[in-house]
Amino acid sequence: DLKEDWQIRGMLKGAKKAGKHFSRKFAQFFNGRKALKHANHPNNPILISHLHIGQRDNPSSTIHYHFAFGNIPKAITDDDIKMIFSDLWINKKC
């Protein structure tokens, strides 16, 4: 079924809220409370996100994010990032 405009607006609102929560928790994971108090702190990770609505005329198309990460400490491996992402985005443990 195709979504109505009000349904899409609600889904977008929820996705934006989740994205903001994730970006705060991601920065906080690496830099603690400093990340929240000082958004431009040089140790904060860089997170670029793009919220993609998908195709409105395709019922299987979804609203989803594309993420890119930067300024991650060298000691953090790809597997570490996958675990952190999974905990903060998929499992929402933080």
C-alpha atoms as a PDB file:
ATOM      1  CA  ASP A   1       0.000   0.000   0.000  1.00  0.00           C
ATOM      2  CA  LEU A   2       1.171   3.495  -0.771  1.00  0.00           C
ATOM      3  CA  LYS A   3       1.563   5.737   2.242  1.00  0.00           C
ATOM      4  CA  GLU A   4      -0.468   8.890   2.699  1.00  0.00           C
ATOM      5  CA  ASP A   5       1.324  12.230   3.142  1.00  0.00           C
ATOM      6  CA  TRP A   6       0.481  12.339   6.864  1.00  0.00           C
ATOM      7  CA  GLN A   7       1.940   8.852   7.319  1.00  0.00           C
ATOM      8  CA  ILE A   8       5.163   9.822   5.559  1.00  0.00           C
ATOM      9  CA  ARG A   9       5.460  12.993   7.645  1.00  0.00           C
ATOM     10  CA  GLY A  10       5.087  10.912  10.810  1.00  0.00           C
ATOM     11  CA  MET A  11       7.667   8.414   9.625  1.00  0.00           C
ATOM     12  CA  LEU A  12      10.085  11.225   8.759  1.00  0.00           C
ATOM     13  CA  LYS A  13       9.580  12.851  12.147  1.00  0.00           C
ATOM     14  CA  GLY A  14      10.390   9.563  13.877  1.00  0.00           C
ATOM     15  CA  ALA A  15      13.416   8.939  11.658  1.00  0.00           C
ATOM     16  CA  LYS A  16      14.800  12.429  12.309  1.00  0.00           C
ATOM     17  CA  LYS A  17      14.370  11.967  16.061  1.00  0.00           C
ATOM     18  CA  ALA A  18      16.135   8.591  15.919  1.00  0.00           C
ATOM     19  CA  GLY A  19      18.961  10.070  13.823  1.00  0.00           C
ATOM     20  CA  LYS A  20      19.510  12.930  16.255  1.00  0.00           C
ATOM     21  CA  HIS A  21      19.513  10.539  19.220  1.00  0.00           C
ATOM     22  CA  PHE A  22      21.979   8.240  17.439  1.00  0.00           C
ATOM     23  CA  SER A  23      24.379  11.052  16.525  1.00  0.00           C
ATOM     24  CA  ARG A  24      24.439  12.312  20.134  1.00  0.00           C
ATOM     25  CA  LYS A  25      25.029   8.817  21.538  1.00  0.00           C
ATOM     26  CA  PHE A  26      27.683   8.056  18.899  1.00  0.00           C
ATOM     27  CA  ALA A  27      29.664  11.188  19.792  1.00  0.00           C
ATOM     28  CA  GLN A  28      29.148  10.514  23.493  1.00  0.00           C
ATOM     29  CA  PHE A  29      30.446   6.957  23.088  1.00  0.00           C
ATOM     30  CA  PHE A  30      33.813   8.307  21.904  1.00  0.00           C
ATOM     31  CA  ASN A  31      34.094  11.542  23.881  1.00  0.00           C
ATOM     32  CA  GLY A  32      31.816  11.189  26.905  1.00  0.00           C
ATOM     33  CA  ARG A  33      29.927  14.204  28.191  1.00  0.00           C
ATOM     34  CA  LYS A  34      32.389  16.521  26.438  1.00  0.00           C
ATOM     35  CA  ALA A  35      30.691  15.557  23.189  1.00  0.00           C
ATOM     36  CA  LEU A  36      27.395  17.007  24.424  1.00  0.00           C
ATOM     37  CA  LYS A  37      28.827  20.102  26.090  1.00  0.00           C
ATOM     38  CA  HIS A  38      31.231  20.969  23.267  1.00  0.00           C
ATOM     39  CA  ALA A  39      29.782  19.952  19.910  1.00  0.00           C
ATOM     40  CA  ASN A  40      32.881  21.206  18.076  1.00  0.00           C
ATOM     41  CA  HIS A  41      35.394  19.417  20.301  1.00  0.00           C
ATOM     42  CA  PRO A  42      38.286  18.126  18.131  1.00  0.00           C
ATOM     43  CA  ASN A  43      37.991  14.595  19.547  1.00  0.00           C
ATOM     44  CA  ASN A  44      34.351  14.224  18.541  1.00  0.00           C
ATOM     45  CA  PRO A  45      33.739  11.812  15.682  1.00  0.00           C
ATOM     46  CA  ILE A  46      32.459  13.188  12.414  1.00  0.00           C
ATOM     47  CA  LEU A  47      29.118  11.777  11.395  1.00  0.00           C
ATOM     48  CA  ILE A  48      27.562  12.581   8.053  1.00  0.00           C
ATOM     49  CA  SER A  49      24.040  11.319   7.593  1.00  0.00           C
ATOM     50  CA  HIS A  50      21.559  11.498   4.775  1.00  0.00           C
ATOM     51  CA  LEU A  51      17.916  10.655   5.318  1.00  0.00           C
ATOM     52  CA  HIS A  52      16.570   9.083   2.138  1.00  0.00           C
ATOM     53  CA  ILE A  53      12.829   8.915   1.590  1.00  0.00           C
ATOM     54  CA  GLY A  54      12.909   6.405  -1.240  1.00  0.00           C
ATOM     55  CA  GLN A  55      10.402   6.140  -4.035  1.00  0.00           C
ATOM     56  CA  ARG A  56       6.887   7.153  -3.041  1.00  0.00           C
ATOM     57  CA  ASP A  57       5.292   5.105  -5.821  1.00  0.00           C
ATOM     58  CA  ASN A  58       7.086   1.904  -4.787  1.00  0.00           C
ATOM     59  CA  PRO A  59       5.466   0.192  -1.767  1.00  0.00           C
ATOM     60  CA  SER A  60       8.669  -1.722  -0.938  1.00  0.00           C
ATOM     61  CA  SER A  61      10.804   1.435  -0.855  1.00  0.00           C
ATOM     62  CA  THR A  62      11.689   2.581   2.658  1.00  0.00           C
ATOM     63  CA  ILE A  63      12.761   5.665   4.552  1.00  0.00           C
ATOM     64  CA  HIS A  64      16.352   5.032   5.577  1.00  0.00           C
ATOM     65  CA  TYR A  65      19.667   6.664   6.463  1.00  0.00           C
ATOM     66  CA  HIS A  66      23.050   6.605   4.785  1.00  0.00           C
ATOM     67  CA  PHE A  67      25.904   7.189   7.245  1.00  0.00           C
ATOM     68  CA  ALA A  68      29.570   8.106   6.832  1.00  0.00           C
ATOM     69  CA  PHE A  69      31.950   8.254   9.785  1.00  0.00           C
ATOM     70  CA  GLY A  70      35.208  10.146  10.309  1.00  0.00           C
ATOM     71  CA  ASN A  71      37.664  11.237  13.000  1.00  0.00           C
ATOM     72  CA  ILE A  72      37.477   7.782  14.563  1.00  0.00           C
ATOM     73  CA  PRO A  73      40.459   6.799  16.761  1.00  0.00           C
ATOM     74  CA  LYS A  74      42.954   4.611  14.886  1.00  0.00           C
ATOM     75  CA  ALA A  75      42.643   1.829  17.477  1.00  0.00           C
ATOM     76  CA  ILE A  76      38.971   1.310  16.547  1.00  0.00           C
ATOM     77  CA  THR A  77      38.568  -1.462  13.971  1.00  0.00           C
ATOM     78  CA  ASP A  78      35.828  -1.902  11.380  1.00  0.00           C
ATOM     79  CA  ASP A  79      34.405  -4.681  13.543  1.00  0.00           C
ATOM     80  CA  ASP A  80      34.369  -2.299  16.526  1.00  0.00           C
ATOM     81  CA  ILE A  81      32.437   0.266  14.465  1.00  0.00           C
ATOM     82  CA  LYS A  82      29.950  -2.412  13.396  1.00  0.00           C
ATOM     83  CA  MET A  83      29.425  -3.402  17.049  1.00  0.00           C
ATOM     84  CA  ILE A  84      29.070   0.224  18.190  1.00  0.00           C
ATOM     85  CA  PHE A  85      26.648   0.979  15.355  1.00  0.00           C
ATOM     86  CA  SER A  86      24.649  -2.145  16.105  1.00  0.00           C
ATOM     87  CA  ASP A  87      24.406  -1.276  19.806  1.00  0.00           C
ATOM     88  CA  LEU A  88      23.476   2.376  19.247  1.00  0.00           C
ATOM     89  CA  TRP A  89      21.251   2.126  16.164  1.00  0.00           C
ATOM     90  CA  ILE A  90      19.872  -1.367  15.801  1.00  0.00           C
ATOM     91  CA  ASN A  91      19.663  -2.464  19.457  1.00  0.00           C
ATOM     92  CA  LYS A  92      19.390   1.097  20.855  1.00  0.00           C
ATOM     93  CA  LYS A  93      21.153   0.051  24.067  1.00  0.00           C
ATOM     94  CA  CYS A  94      22.384   3.527  24.889  1.00  0.00           C
END
